[in-house]
Amino acid sequence: MPKEQDSEGRSKIEIPKGSSVSYVLKVFNIPEEEAYIVLVNGRHAKKNVILLEGDEMFVFPAIVGG
């Protein structure tokens, strides 16, 4: 898992051409079921979306409370 993060907890990584959202989740050891919301370039994305150079991906867990 990449360790370098900026002050906002973001990491930059290089991935092989044709990699999907699922691939990046695996790189960061994030179980797919824990990635409740995934955004790519600010839009909701399914886990099979192929990422392109310069894309930004954000992952959010489910929020629970009472």
PDB file of N, CA and C in Angstrom:
ATOM      1  N   MET A   1       0.845  -1.180   0.000  1.00  0.00           N
ATOM      2  CA  MET A   1       0.000   0.000   0.000  1.00  0.00           C
ATOM      3  C   MET A   1       0.887   1.239   0.000  1.00  0.00           C
ATOM      4  N   PRO A   2       0.602   2.189  -0.878  1.00  0.00           N
ATOM      5  CA  PRO A   2       1.403   3.413  -0.904  1.00  0.00           C
ATOM      6  C   PRO A   2       1.309   4.147   0.428  1.00  0.00           C
ATOM      7  N   LYS A   3       2.427   4.611   0.915  1.00  0.00           N
ATOM      8  CA  LYS A   3       2.472   5.260   2.227  1.00  0.00           C
ATOM      9  C   LYS A   3       2.458   6.784   2.117  1.00  0.00           C
ATOM     10  N   GLU A   4       2.940   7.330   1.002  1.00  0.00           N
ATOM     11  CA  GLU A   4       3.059   8.776   0.893  1.00  0.00           C
ATOM     12  C   GLU A   4       1.693   9.408   0.666  1.00  0.00           C
ATOM     13  N   GLN A   5       1.336  10.320   1.577  1.00  0.00           N
ATOM     14  CA  GLN A   5       0.070  11.032   1.472  1.00  0.00           C
ATOM     15  C   GLN A   5       0.322  12.511   1.659  1.00  0.00           C
ATOM     16  N   ASP A   6      -0.525  13.333   1.029  1.00  0.00           N
ATOM     17  CA  ASP A   6      -0.402  14.766   1.245  1.00  0.00           C
ATOM     18  C   ASP A   6      -1.113  15.136   2.548  1.00  0.00           C
ATOM     19  N   SER A   7      -1.186  16.417   2.839  1.00  0.00           N
ATOM     20  CA  SER A   7      -1.766  16.867   4.111  1.00  0.00           C
ATOM     21  C   SER A   7      -3.258  16.558   4.233  1.00  0.00           C
ATOM     22  N   GLU A   8      -3.907  16.223   3.119  1.00  0.00           N
ATOM     23  CA  GLU A   8      -5.336  15.884   3.143  1.00  0.00           C
ATOM     24  C   GLU A   8      -5.565  14.379   3.057  1.00  0.00           C
ATOM     25  N   GLY A   9      -4.493  13.590   3.197  1.00  0.00           N
ATOM     26  CA  GLY A   9      -4.614  12.137   3.184  1.00  0.00           C
ATOM     27  C   GLY A   9      -4.712  11.525   1.799  1.00  0.00           C
ATOM     28  N   ARG A  10      -4.354  12.278   0.769  1.00  0.00           N
ATOM     29  CA  ARG A  10      -4.432  11.774  -0.604  1.00  0.00           C
ATOM     30  C   ARG A  10      -3.093  11.191  -1.030  1.00  0.00           C
ATOM     31  N   SER A  11      -3.171  10.183  -1.900  1.00  0.00           N
ATOM     32  CA  SER A  11      -1.971   9.550  -2.453  1.00  0.00           C
ATOM     33  C   SER A  11      -2.036   9.588  -3.965  1.00  0.00           C
ATOM     34  N   LYS A  12      -0.873   9.720  -4.584  1.00  0.00           N
ATOM     35  CA  LYS A  12      -0.778   9.610  -6.039  1.00  0.00           C
ATOM     36  C   LYS A  12      -0.075   8.306  -6.347  1.00  0.00           C
ATOM     37  N   ILE A  13      -0.656   7.548  -7.283  1.00  0.00           N
ATOM     38  CA  ILE A  13      -0.022   6.300  -7.688  1.00  0.00           C
ATOM     39  C   ILE A  13      -0.056   6.190  -9.205  1.00  0.00           C
ATOM     40  N   GLU A  14       0.866   5.412  -9.724  1.00  0.00           N
ATOM     41  CA  GLU A  14       0.848   5.076 -11.141  1.00  0.00           C
ATOM     42  C   GLU A  14       0.288   3.676 -11.261  1.00  0.00           C
ATOM     43  N   ILE A  15      -0.615   3.505 -12.223  1.00  0.00           N
ATOM     44  CA  ILE A  15      -1.239   2.201 -12.432  1.00  0.00           C
ATOM     45  C   ILE A  15      -1.059   1.791 -13.884  1.00  0.00           C
ATOM     46  N   PRO A  16      -1.095   0.495 -14.154  1.00  0.00           N
ATOM     47  CA  PRO A  16      -0.979   0.043 -15.537  1.00  0.00           C
ATOM     48  C   PRO A  16      -2.150   0.549 -16.380  1.00  0.00           C
ATOM     49  N   LYS A  17      -1.879   0.819 -17.638  1.00  0.00           N
ATOM     50  CA  LYS A  17      -2.922   1.242 -18.569  1.00  0.00           C
ATOM     51  C   LYS A  17      -4.036   0.197 -18.576  1.00  0.00           C
ATOM     52  N   GLY A  18      -5.279   0.655 -18.563  1.00  0.00           N
ATOM     53  CA  GLY A  18      -6.419  -0.249 -18.577  1.00  0.00           C
ATOM     54  C   GLY A  18      -6.865  -0.712 -17.205  1.00  0.00           C
ATOM     55  N   SER A  19      -6.291  -0.135 -16.136  1.00  0.00           N
ATOM     56  CA  SER A  19      -6.659  -0.538 -14.775  1.00  0.00           C
ATOM     57  C   SER A  19      -8.022   0.023 -14.395  1.00  0.00           C
ATOM     58  N   SER A  20      -8.717  -0.736 -13.569  1.00  0.00           N
ATOM     59  CA  SER A  20     -10.059  -0.354 -13.136  1.00  0.00           C
ATOM     60  C   SER A  20     -10.046   0.176 -11.702  1.00  0.00           C
ATOM     61  N   VAL A  21     -11.200   0.686 -11.312  1.00  0.00           N
ATOM     62  CA  VAL A  21     -11.403   1.100  -9.925  1.00  0.00           C
ATOM     63  C   VAL A  21     -11.101  -0.077  -8.996  1.00  0.00           C
ATOM     64  N   SER A  22     -11.572  -1.266  -9.346  1.00  0.00           N
ATOM     65  CA  SER A  22     -11.323  -2.461  -8.521  1.00  0.00           C
ATOM     66  C   SER A  22      -9.837  -2.701  -8.310  1.00  0.00           C
ATOM     67  N   TYR A  23      -9.042  -2.492  -9.338  1.00  0.00           N
ATOM     68  CA  TYR A  23      -7.592  -2.681  -9.236  1.00  0.00           C
ATOM     69  C   TYR A  23      -7.012  -1.748  -8.169  1.00  0.00           C
ATOM     70  N   VAL A  24      -7.410  -0.487  -8.200  1.00  0.00           N
ATOM     71  CA  VAL A  24      -6.885   0.484  -7.234  1.00  0.00           C
ATOM     72  C   VAL A  24      -7.320   0.115  -5.818  1.00  0.00           C
ATOM     73  N   LEU A  25      -8.542  -0.346  -5.660  1.00  0.00           N
ATOM     74  CA  LEU A  25      -8.990  -0.787  -4.336  1.00  0.00           C
ATOM     75  C   LEU A  25      -8.094  -1.912  -3.828  1.00  0.00           C
ATOM     76  N   LYS A  26      -7.724  -2.836  -4.708  1.00  0.00           N
ATOM     77  CA  LYS A  26      -6.832  -3.934  -4.310  1.00  0.00           C
ATOM     78  C   LYS A  26      -5.455  -3.411  -3.919  1.00  0.00           C
ATOM     79  N   VAL A  27      -4.928  -2.435  -4.666  1.00  0.00           N
ATOM     80  CA  VAL A  27      -3.616  -1.858  -4.360  1.00  0.00           C
ATOM     81  C   VAL A  27      -3.602  -1.286  -2.941  1.00  0.00           C
ATOM     82  N   PHE A  28      -4.714  -0.670  -2.540  1.00  0.00           N
ATOM     83  CA  PHE A  28      -4.806  -0.063  -1.217  1.00  0.00           C
ATOM     84  C   PHE A  28      -5.396  -1.006  -0.172  1.00  0.00           C
ATOM     85  N   ASN A  29      -5.580  -2.276  -0.538  1.00  0.00           N
ATOM     86  CA  ASN A  29      -6.146  -3.278   0.382  1.00  0.00           C
ATOM     87  C   ASN A  29      -7.495  -2.850   0.952  1.00  0.00           C
ATOM     88  N   ILE A  30      -8.331  -2.265   0.091  1.00  0.00           N
ATOM     89  CA  ILE A  30      -9.675  -1.856   0.495  1.00  0.00           C
ATOM     90  C   ILE A  30     -10.658  -2.887  -0.048  1.00  0.00           C
ATOM     91  N   PRO A  31     -11.347  -3.620   0.828  1.00  0.00           N
ATOM     92  CA  PRO A  31     -12.355  -4.569   0.342  1.00  0.00           C
ATOM     93  C   PRO A  31     -13.446  -3.825  -0.438  1.00  0.00           C
ATOM     94  N   GLU A  32     -13.854  -4.376  -1.579  1.00  0.00           N
ATOM     95  CA  GLU A  32     -14.840  -3.697  -2.418  1.00  0.00           C
ATOM     96  C   GLU A  32     -16.119  -3.364  -1.664  1.00  0.00           C
ATOM     97  N   GLU A  33     -16.534  -4.242  -0.747  1.00  0.00           N
ATOM     98  CA  GLU A  33     -17.771  -3.979  -0.007  1.00  0.00           C
ATOM     99  C   GLU A  33     -17.628  -2.808   0.962  1.00  0.00           C
ATOM    100  N   GLU A  34     -16.403  -2.407   1.292  1.00  0.00           N
ATOM    101  CA  GLU A  34     -16.183  -1.253   2.168  1.00  0.00           C
ATOM    102  C   GLU A  34     -16.096   0.057   1.393  1.00  0.00           C
ATOM    103  N   ALA A  35     -15.958  -0.027   0.082  1.00  0.00           N
ATOM    104  CA  ALA A  35     -15.919   1.164  -0.771  1.00  0.00           C
ATOM    105  C   ALA A  35     -17.355   1.487  -1.174  1.00  0.00           C
ATOM    106  N   TYR A  36     -18.094   2.100  -0.245  1.00  0.00           N
ATOM    107  CA  TYR A  36     -19.524   2.323  -0.435  1.00  0.00           C
ATOM    108  C   TYR A  36     -19.792   3.324  -1.558  1.00  0.00           C
ATOM    109  N   ILE A  37     -19.033   4.409  -1.586  1.00  0.00           N
ATOM    110  CA  ILE A  37     -19.157   5.412  -2.645  1.00  0.00           C
ATOM    111  C   ILE A  37     -17.793   5.581  -3.292  1.00  0.00           C
ATOM    112  N   VAL A  38     -17.763   5.497  -4.612  1.00  0.00           N
ATOM    113  CA  VAL A  38     -16.540   5.736  -5.373  1.00  0.00           C
ATOM    114  C   VAL A  38     -16.841   6.843  -6.378  1.00  0.00           C
ATOM    115  N   LEU A  39     -16.000   7.872  -6.364  1.00  0.00           N
ATOM    116  CA  LEU A  39     -16.114   8.955  -7.336  1.00  0.00           C
ATOM    117  C   LEU A  39     -14.864   8.964  -8.198  1.00  0.00           C
ATOM    118  N   VAL A  40     -15.052   9.130  -9.487  1.00  0.00           N
ATOM    119  CA  VAL A  40     -13.939   9.338 -10.411  1.00  0.00           C
ATOM    120  C   VAL A  40     -14.202  10.676 -11.087  1.00  0.00           C
ATOM    121  N   ASN A  41     -13.285  11.603 -10.883  1.00  0.00           N
ATOM    122  CA  ASN A  41     -13.428  12.959 -11.411  1.00  0.00           C
ATOM    123  C   ASN A  41     -14.755  13.595 -10.983  1.00  0.00           C
ATOM    124  N   GLY A  42     -15.150  13.322  -9.730  1.00  0.00           N
ATOM    125  CA  GLY A  42     -16.332  13.943  -9.169  1.00  0.00           C
ATOM    126  C   GLY A  42     -17.657  13.292  -9.521  1.00  0.00           C
ATOM    127  N   ARG A  43     -17.620  12.170 -10.243  1.00  0.00           N
ATOM    128  CA  ARG A  43     -18.856  11.480 -10.628  1.00  0.00           C
ATOM    129  C   ARG A  43     -18.868  10.070 -10.058  1.00  0.00           C
ATOM    130  N   HIS A  44     -20.054   9.614  -9.670  1.00  0.00           N
ATOM    131  CA  HIS A  44     -20.181   8.240  -9.170  1.00  0.00           C
ATOM    132  C   HIS A  44     -19.653   7.276 -10.219  1.00  0.00           C
ATOM    133  N   ALA A  45     -18.917   6.265  -9.758  1.00  0.00           N
ATOM    134  CA  ALA A  45     -18.320   5.293 -10.679  1.00  0.00           C
ATOM    135  C   ALA A  45     -18.512   3.881 -10.151  1.00  0.00           C
ATOM    136  N   LYS A  46     -18.786   2.967 -11.068  1.00  0.00           N
ATOM    137  CA  LYS A  46     -18.846   1.552 -10.712  1.00  0.00           C
ATOM    138  C   LYS A  46     -17.427   1.022 -10.619  1.00  0.00           C
ATOM    139  N   LYS A  47     -17.290  -0.120 -10.010  1.00  0.00           N
ATOM    140  CA  LYS A  47     -15.952  -0.658  -9.750  1.00  0.00           C
ATOM    141  C   LYS A  47     -15.263  -1.199 -11.002  1.00  0.00           C
ATOM    142  N   ASN A  48     -16.014  -1.363 -12.098  1.00  0.00           N
ATOM    143  CA  ASN A  48     -15.405  -1.848 -13.336  1.00  0.00           C
ATOM    144  C   ASN A  48     -14.969  -0.713 -14.264  1.00  0.00           C
ATOM    145  N   VAL A  49     -15.125   0.541 -13.833  1.00  0.00           N
ATOM    146  CA  VAL A  49     -14.729   1.687 -14.649  1.00  0.00           C
ATOM    147  C   VAL A  49     -13.219   1.668 -14.857  1.00  0.00           C
ATOM    148  N   ILE A  50     -12.802   1.869 -16.104  1.00  0.00           N
ATOM    149  CA  ILE A  50     -11.375   1.925 -16.437  1.00  0.00           C
ATOM    150  C   ILE A  50     -10.885   3.353 -16.215  1.00  0.00           C
ATOM    151  N   LEU A  51      -9.785   3.475 -15.501  1.00  0.00           N
ATOM    152  CA  LEU A  51      -9.216   4.781 -15.188  1.00  0.00           C
ATOM    153  C   LEU A  51      -8.269   5.230 -16.293  1.00  0.00           C
ATOM    154  N   LEU A  52      -8.263   6.535 -16.524  1.00  0.00           N
ATOM    155  CA  LEU A  52      -7.395   7.136 -17.531  1.00  0.00           C
ATOM    156  C   LEU A  52      -6.355   8.016 -16.848  1.00  0.00           C
ATOM    157  N   GLU A  53      -5.297   8.335 -17.565  1.00  0.00           N
ATOM    158  CA  GLU A  53      -4.246   9.183 -17.012  1.00  0.00           C
ATOM    159  C   GLU A  53      -4.844  10.500 -16.523  1.00  0.00           C
ATOM    160  N   GLY A  54      -4.489  10.880 -15.311  1.00  0.00           N
ATOM    161  CA  GLY A  54      -4.947  12.132 -14.730  1.00  0.00           C
ATOM    162  C   GLY A  54      -6.265  12.050 -13.977  1.00  0.00           C
ATOM    163  N   ASP A  55      -6.929  10.888 -14.012  1.00  0.00           N
ATOM    164  CA  ASP A  55      -8.185  10.739 -13.276  1.00  0.00           C
ATOM    165  C   ASP A  55      -7.942  10.859 -11.777  1.00  0.00           C
ATOM    166  N   GLU A  56      -8.932  11.397 -11.079  1.00  0.00           N
ATOM    167  CA  GLU A  56      -8.904  11.452  -9.621  1.00  0.00           C
ATOM    168  C   GLU A  56     -10.000  10.544  -9.101  1.00  0.00           C
ATOM    169  N   MET A  57      -9.638   9.688  -8.165  1.00  0.00           N
ATOM    170  CA  MET A  57     -10.579   8.726  -7.605  1.00  0.00           C
ATOM    171  C   MET A  57     -10.674   8.951  -6.103  1.00  0.00           C
ATOM    172  N   PHE A  58     -11.905   9.008  -5.603  1.00  0.00           N
ATOM    173  CA  PHE A  58     -12.153   9.175  -4.177  1.00  0.00           C
ATOM    174  C   PHE A  58     -13.007   8.015  -3.701  1.00  0.00           C
ATOM    175  N   VAL A  59     -12.686   7.486  -2.527  1.00  0.00           N
ATOM    176  CA  VAL A  59     -13.405   6.342  -1.967  1.00  0.00           C
ATOM    177  C   VAL A  59     -13.922   6.727  -0.585  1.00  0.00           C
ATOM    178  N   PHE A  60     -15.213   6.438  -0.358  1.00  0.00           N
ATOM    179  CA  PHE A  60     -15.839   6.751   0.921  1.00  0.00           C
ATOM    180  C   PHE A  60     -16.496   5.501   1.482  1.00  0.00           C
ATOM    181  N   PRO A  61     -16.310   5.236   2.774  1.00  0.00           N
ATOM    182  CA  PRO A  61     -16.991   4.099   3.410  1.00  0.00           C
ATOM    183  C   PRO A  61     -18.440   4.473   3.719  1.00  0.00           C
ATOM    184  N   ALA A  62     -19.233   3.470   4.038  1.00  0.00           N
ATOM    185  CA  ALA A  62     -20.602   3.726   4.496  1.00  0.00           C
ATOM    186  C   ALA A  62     -20.530   4.446   5.837  1.00  0.00           C
ATOM    187  N   ILE A  63     -21.437   5.362   6.049  1.00  0.00           N
ATOM    188  CA  ILE A  63     -21.484   6.104   7.308  1.00  0.00           C
ATOM    189  C   ILE A  63     -22.698   5.611   8.082  1.00  0.00           C
ATOM    190  N   VAL A  64     -22.443   5.186   9.307  1.00  0.00           N
ATOM    191  CA  VAL A  64     -23.540   4.690  10.142  1.00  0.00           C
ATOM    192  C   VAL A  64     -23.568   5.476  11.442  1.00  0.00           C
ATOM    193  N   GLY A  65     -24.693   5.546  12.007  1.00  0.00           N
ATOM    194  CA  GLY A  65     -24.813   6.255  13.271  1.00  0.00           C
ATOM    195  C   GLY A  65     -26.205   6.070  13.836  1.00  0.00           C
ATOM    196  N   GLY A  66     -26.419   6.684  14.931  1.00  0.00           N
ATOM    197  CA  GLY A  66     -27.725   6.497  15.545  1.00  0.00           C
ATOM    198  C   GLY A  66     -28.235   7.727  16.205  1.00  0.00           C
TER     199      GLY A  66
END
